[in-house]
N, C-alpha and C. Protein backbone atom coordinates (compact mmCIF):
# COMPACT_ATOMS: atom_id res chain seq x y z
N MET A 1 -71.95 44.12 -36.41
CA MET A 1 -71.22 44.99 -37.33
C MET A 1 -70.60 46.12 -36.53
N GLN A 2 -69.31 46.27 -36.66
CA GLN A 2 -68.62 47.38 -36.01
C GLN A 2 -68.65 48.58 -36.95
N CYS A 3 -69.11 49.72 -36.43
CA CYS A 3 -69.24 50.92 -37.25
C CYS A 3 -68.19 51.95 -36.84
N ASN A 4 -67.81 52.76 -37.79
CA ASN A 4 -66.81 53.81 -37.57
C ASN A 4 -67.44 55.16 -37.29
N PHE A 5 -68.73 55.31 -37.62
CA PHE A 5 -69.39 56.61 -37.52
C PHE A 5 -70.67 56.49 -36.72
N PRO A 6 -71.12 57.61 -36.13
CA PRO A 6 -72.43 57.59 -35.47
C PRO A 6 -73.53 57.39 -36.51
N GLU A 7 -74.66 56.89 -36.05
CA GLU A 7 -75.79 56.67 -36.95
C GLU A 7 -76.37 58.01 -37.40
N ILE A 8 -76.72 58.08 -38.68
CA ILE A 8 -77.31 59.28 -39.25
C ILE A 8 -78.82 59.22 -39.06
N PHE A 9 -79.43 60.33 -38.70
CA PHE A 9 -80.88 60.42 -38.56
C PHE A 9 -81.42 61.35 -39.61
N PRO A 10 -82.65 61.27 -40.09
CA PRO A 10 -83.67 60.39 -39.56
C PRO A 10 -83.31 58.93 -39.79
N GLY A 11 -83.74 58.12 -38.88
CA GLY A 11 -83.30 56.74 -38.82
C GLY A 11 -83.92 55.78 -39.78
N LYS A 12 -84.95 55.09 -39.37
CA LYS A 12 -85.39 53.87 -40.04
C LYS A 12 -86.19 54.07 -41.31
N ASP A 13 -86.56 55.28 -41.66
CA ASP A 13 -87.39 55.48 -42.84
C ASP A 13 -86.58 55.71 -44.12
N GLN A 14 -85.28 55.55 -44.05
CA GLN A 14 -84.45 55.73 -45.24
C GLN A 14 -84.42 54.42 -46.04
N THR A 15 -84.84 54.49 -47.29
CA THR A 15 -84.84 53.29 -48.14
C THR A 15 -83.43 53.04 -48.67
N ASP A 16 -83.21 51.81 -49.16
CA ASP A 16 -81.92 51.49 -49.78
C ASP A 16 -81.66 52.42 -50.95
N GLU A 17 -82.70 52.72 -51.73
CA GLU A 17 -82.54 53.60 -52.88
C GLU A 17 -82.11 55.00 -52.44
N PHE A 18 -82.74 55.54 -51.39
CA PHE A 18 -82.37 56.84 -50.87
C PHE A 18 -80.91 56.85 -50.42
N LEU A 19 -80.51 55.79 -49.71
CA LEU A 19 -79.14 55.71 -49.20
C LEU A 19 -78.13 55.53 -50.32
N LEU A 20 -78.49 54.78 -51.35
CA LEU A 20 -77.60 54.62 -52.50
C LEU A 20 -77.40 55.96 -53.22
N ILE A 21 -78.47 56.71 -53.37
CA ILE A 21 -78.37 58.03 -53.99
C ILE A 21 -77.46 58.93 -53.15
N LYS A 22 -77.54 58.82 -51.83
CA LYS A 22 -76.68 59.61 -50.95
C LYS A 22 -75.21 59.25 -51.17
N VAL A 23 -74.90 57.95 -51.31
CA VAL A 23 -73.53 57.52 -51.59
C VAL A 23 -73.06 58.13 -52.91
N LEU A 24 -73.91 58.07 -53.92
CA LEU A 24 -73.55 58.62 -55.23
C LEU A 24 -73.35 60.14 -55.17
N GLN A 25 -74.19 60.84 -54.39
CA GLN A 25 -74.01 62.28 -54.22
C GLN A 25 -72.67 62.59 -53.56
N GLU A 26 -72.33 61.82 -52.54
CA GLU A 26 -71.05 62.05 -51.85
C GLU A 26 -69.88 61.76 -52.78
N LEU A 27 -69.98 60.71 -53.60
CA LEU A 27 -68.94 60.42 -54.57
C LEU A 27 -68.79 61.57 -55.56
N SER A 28 -69.91 62.12 -55.99
CA SER A 28 -69.89 63.25 -56.93
C SER A 28 -69.21 64.46 -56.29
N GLU A 29 -69.54 64.73 -55.02
CA GLU A 29 -68.91 65.85 -54.32
C GLU A 29 -67.40 65.62 -54.20
N PHE A 30 -67.00 64.40 -53.91
CA PHE A 30 -65.58 64.09 -53.81
C PHE A 30 -64.87 64.38 -55.14
N GLY A 31 -65.52 64.03 -56.24
CA GLY A 31 -64.94 64.26 -57.55
C GLY A 31 -64.87 65.73 -57.94
N ARG A 32 -65.80 66.51 -57.43
CA ARG A 32 -65.88 67.94 -57.77
C ARG A 32 -65.05 68.82 -56.86
N GLU A 33 -65.15 68.58 -55.57
CA GLU A 33 -64.60 69.48 -54.55
C GLU A 33 -63.11 69.27 -54.39
N LYS A 34 -62.33 70.09 -55.08
CA LYS A 34 -60.88 69.99 -54.97
C LYS A 34 -60.29 71.33 -54.56
N ILE A 35 -60.97 72.00 -53.64
CA ILE A 35 -60.53 73.32 -53.19
C ILE A 35 -59.17 73.18 -52.48
N THR A 36 -59.12 72.30 -51.50
CA THR A 36 -57.87 72.02 -50.80
C THR A 36 -57.79 70.51 -50.59
N LEU A 37 -56.61 70.04 -50.29
CA LEU A 37 -56.44 68.61 -50.01
C LEU A 37 -57.26 68.21 -48.79
N GLU A 38 -57.30 69.07 -47.78
CA GLU A 38 -58.08 68.77 -46.57
C GLU A 38 -59.57 68.67 -46.89
N HIS A 39 -60.06 69.58 -47.73
CA HIS A 39 -61.48 69.55 -48.11
C HIS A 39 -61.79 68.25 -48.87
N GLN A 40 -60.89 67.86 -49.77
CA GLN A 40 -61.11 66.62 -50.51
C GLN A 40 -61.08 65.42 -49.56
N ALA A 41 -60.20 65.46 -48.56
CA ALA A 41 -60.15 64.38 -47.57
C ALA A 41 -61.47 64.28 -46.81
N LEU A 42 -62.04 65.43 -46.44
CA LEU A 42 -63.35 65.42 -45.76
C LEU A 42 -64.43 64.82 -46.65
N GLU A 43 -64.40 65.14 -47.93
CA GLU A 43 -65.39 64.57 -48.85
C GLU A 43 -65.20 63.05 -48.97
N ALA A 44 -63.95 62.59 -48.96
CA ALA A 44 -63.70 61.15 -49.01
C ALA A 44 -64.28 60.46 -47.77
N ILE A 45 -64.13 61.09 -46.62
CA ILE A 45 -64.70 60.54 -45.38
C ILE A 45 -66.23 60.52 -45.46
N ASP A 46 -66.82 61.55 -46.07
CA ASP A 46 -68.28 61.56 -46.26
C ASP A 46 -68.73 60.39 -47.12
N VAL A 47 -67.95 60.01 -48.13
CA VAL A 47 -68.28 58.85 -48.96
C VAL A 47 -68.31 57.59 -48.09
N LEU A 48 -67.28 57.42 -47.27
CA LEU A 48 -67.20 56.26 -46.39
C LEU A 48 -68.37 56.23 -45.41
N HIS A 49 -68.71 57.39 -44.85
CA HIS A 49 -69.82 57.47 -43.89
C HIS A 49 -71.15 57.10 -44.55
N ALA A 50 -71.38 57.62 -45.75
CA ALA A 50 -72.63 57.32 -46.46
C ALA A 50 -72.71 55.83 -46.81
N ALA A 51 -71.59 55.25 -47.24
CA ALA A 51 -71.59 53.82 -47.58
C ALA A 51 -71.81 52.97 -46.33
N GLU A 52 -71.19 53.35 -45.23
CA GLU A 52 -71.40 52.61 -43.98
C GLU A 52 -72.86 52.68 -43.55
N THR A 53 -73.48 53.84 -43.72
CA THR A 53 -74.90 53.99 -43.36
C THR A 53 -75.77 53.08 -44.22
N LEU A 54 -75.49 53.01 -45.51
CA LEU A 54 -76.22 52.11 -46.40
C LEU A 54 -76.11 50.67 -45.93
N VAL A 55 -74.90 50.23 -45.62
CA VAL A 55 -74.67 48.85 -45.18
C VAL A 55 -75.36 48.61 -43.84
N ARG A 56 -75.22 49.54 -42.90
CA ARG A 56 -75.83 49.39 -41.57
C ARG A 56 -77.35 49.24 -41.69
N LYS A 57 -77.97 50.12 -42.47
CA LYS A 57 -79.43 50.08 -42.60
C LYS A 57 -79.88 48.81 -43.35
N PHE A 58 -79.12 48.40 -44.37
CA PHE A 58 -79.45 47.20 -45.12
C PHE A 58 -79.49 45.98 -44.20
N PHE A 59 -78.46 45.81 -43.39
CA PHE A 59 -78.42 44.65 -42.51
C PHE A 59 -79.42 44.76 -41.36
N ALA A 60 -79.74 45.96 -40.94
CA ALA A 60 -80.77 46.15 -39.90
C ALA A 60 -82.14 45.73 -40.44
N ARG A 61 -82.40 45.99 -41.73
CA ARG A 61 -83.69 45.61 -42.33
C ARG A 61 -83.72 44.15 -42.75
N ASN A 62 -82.57 43.50 -42.77
CA ASN A 62 -82.49 42.10 -43.20
C ASN A 62 -81.75 41.29 -42.13
N PRO A 63 -82.37 41.14 -40.95
CA PRO A 63 -81.69 40.48 -39.83
C PRO A 63 -81.39 39.01 -40.06
N ASN A 64 -81.99 38.41 -41.08
CA ASN A 64 -81.70 37.01 -41.40
C ASN A 64 -80.32 36.87 -42.06
N LEU A 65 -79.72 37.98 -42.50
CA LEU A 65 -78.38 37.96 -43.08
C LEU A 65 -77.36 38.35 -42.02
N SER A 66 -76.24 37.67 -42.01
CA SER A 66 -75.16 37.98 -41.08
C SER A 66 -74.13 38.86 -41.79
N PHE A 67 -73.88 40.04 -41.22
CA PHE A 67 -72.88 40.92 -41.79
C PHE A 67 -71.52 40.22 -41.84
N GLU A 68 -71.12 39.59 -40.74
CA GLU A 68 -69.81 38.96 -40.67
C GLU A 68 -69.68 37.83 -41.71
N GLU A 69 -70.74 37.06 -41.88
CA GLU A 69 -70.73 35.98 -42.87
C GLU A 69 -70.61 36.54 -44.29
N MET A 70 -71.38 37.58 -44.58
CA MET A 70 -71.34 38.17 -45.92
C MET A 70 -70.00 38.87 -46.17
N LYS A 71 -69.45 39.49 -45.15
CA LYS A 71 -68.14 40.12 -45.27
C LYS A 71 -67.08 39.07 -45.61
N ALA A 72 -67.12 37.93 -44.91
CA ALA A 72 -66.16 36.84 -45.18
C ALA A 72 -66.31 36.33 -46.61
N LYS A 73 -67.55 36.22 -47.09
CA LYS A 73 -67.78 35.77 -48.46
C LYS A 73 -67.25 36.79 -49.48
N ALA A 74 -67.45 38.08 -49.20
CA ALA A 74 -66.96 39.12 -50.10
C ALA A 74 -65.43 39.11 -50.15
N ILE A 75 -64.79 38.93 -49.00
CA ILE A 75 -63.33 38.86 -48.96
C ILE A 75 -62.83 37.64 -49.74
N ALA A 76 -63.49 36.49 -49.55
CA ALA A 76 -63.10 35.28 -50.28
C ALA A 76 -63.25 35.48 -51.78
N LYS A 77 -64.36 36.08 -52.20
CA LYS A 77 -64.61 36.35 -53.62
C LYS A 77 -63.53 37.27 -54.19
N ASN A 78 -63.21 38.33 -53.45
CA ASN A 78 -62.22 39.29 -53.93
C ASN A 78 -60.80 38.71 -53.90
N ARG A 79 -60.53 37.83 -52.94
CA ARG A 79 -59.24 37.15 -52.91
C ARG A 79 -59.09 36.28 -54.17
N GLU A 80 -60.15 35.55 -54.52
CA GLU A 80 -60.12 34.72 -55.73
C GLU A 80 -59.88 35.56 -56.98
N ARG A 81 -60.37 36.78 -56.98
CA ARG A 81 -60.19 37.68 -58.12
C ARG A 81 -58.81 38.32 -58.15
N GLY A 82 -58.02 38.06 -57.12
CA GLY A 82 -56.67 38.58 -57.08
C GLY A 82 -56.54 39.99 -56.54
N TYR A 83 -57.56 40.49 -55.86
CA TYR A 83 -57.53 41.85 -55.35
C TYR A 83 -56.57 42.01 -54.17
N TYR A 84 -56.23 40.90 -53.51
CA TYR A 84 -55.40 40.98 -52.30
C TYR A 84 -54.06 40.31 -52.50
N LYS A 85 -53.48 40.41 -53.65
CA LYS A 85 -52.21 39.74 -53.94
C LYS A 85 -51.17 40.06 -52.88
N GLY A 86 -50.55 39.00 -52.38
CA GLY A 86 -49.52 39.16 -51.37
C GLY A 86 -50.07 39.29 -49.97
N VAL A 87 -51.39 39.25 -49.82
CA VAL A 87 -52.01 39.37 -48.51
C VAL A 87 -52.84 38.11 -48.25
N ASP A 88 -52.37 37.28 -47.35
CA ASP A 88 -53.09 36.03 -47.07
C ASP A 88 -54.01 36.10 -45.87
N ASP A 89 -53.81 37.08 -45.02
CA ASP A 89 -54.57 37.12 -43.77
C ASP A 89 -55.65 38.19 -43.72
N VAL A 90 -56.18 38.55 -44.88
CA VAL A 90 -57.26 39.56 -44.91
C VAL A 90 -58.52 38.93 -44.40
């Protein structure tokens, strides 16, 4: 799995539930914090970072699952749903 952000610590003791709550908190902050466009952009990046951390930790705890395989399946599922109209090479 290629990551865009450094790993957040504390490391391995974060449960999926804890990480999901963190994603939801960041989403809430993004929805609330509209002081400036730059501040809102930073909050959007925080959402992405929290979601990436959830995915990273999930796959680290479940090494029998392949991130690349599951990503390909998610893309195929979303393509079937029409989310990528006009895009064949996603």
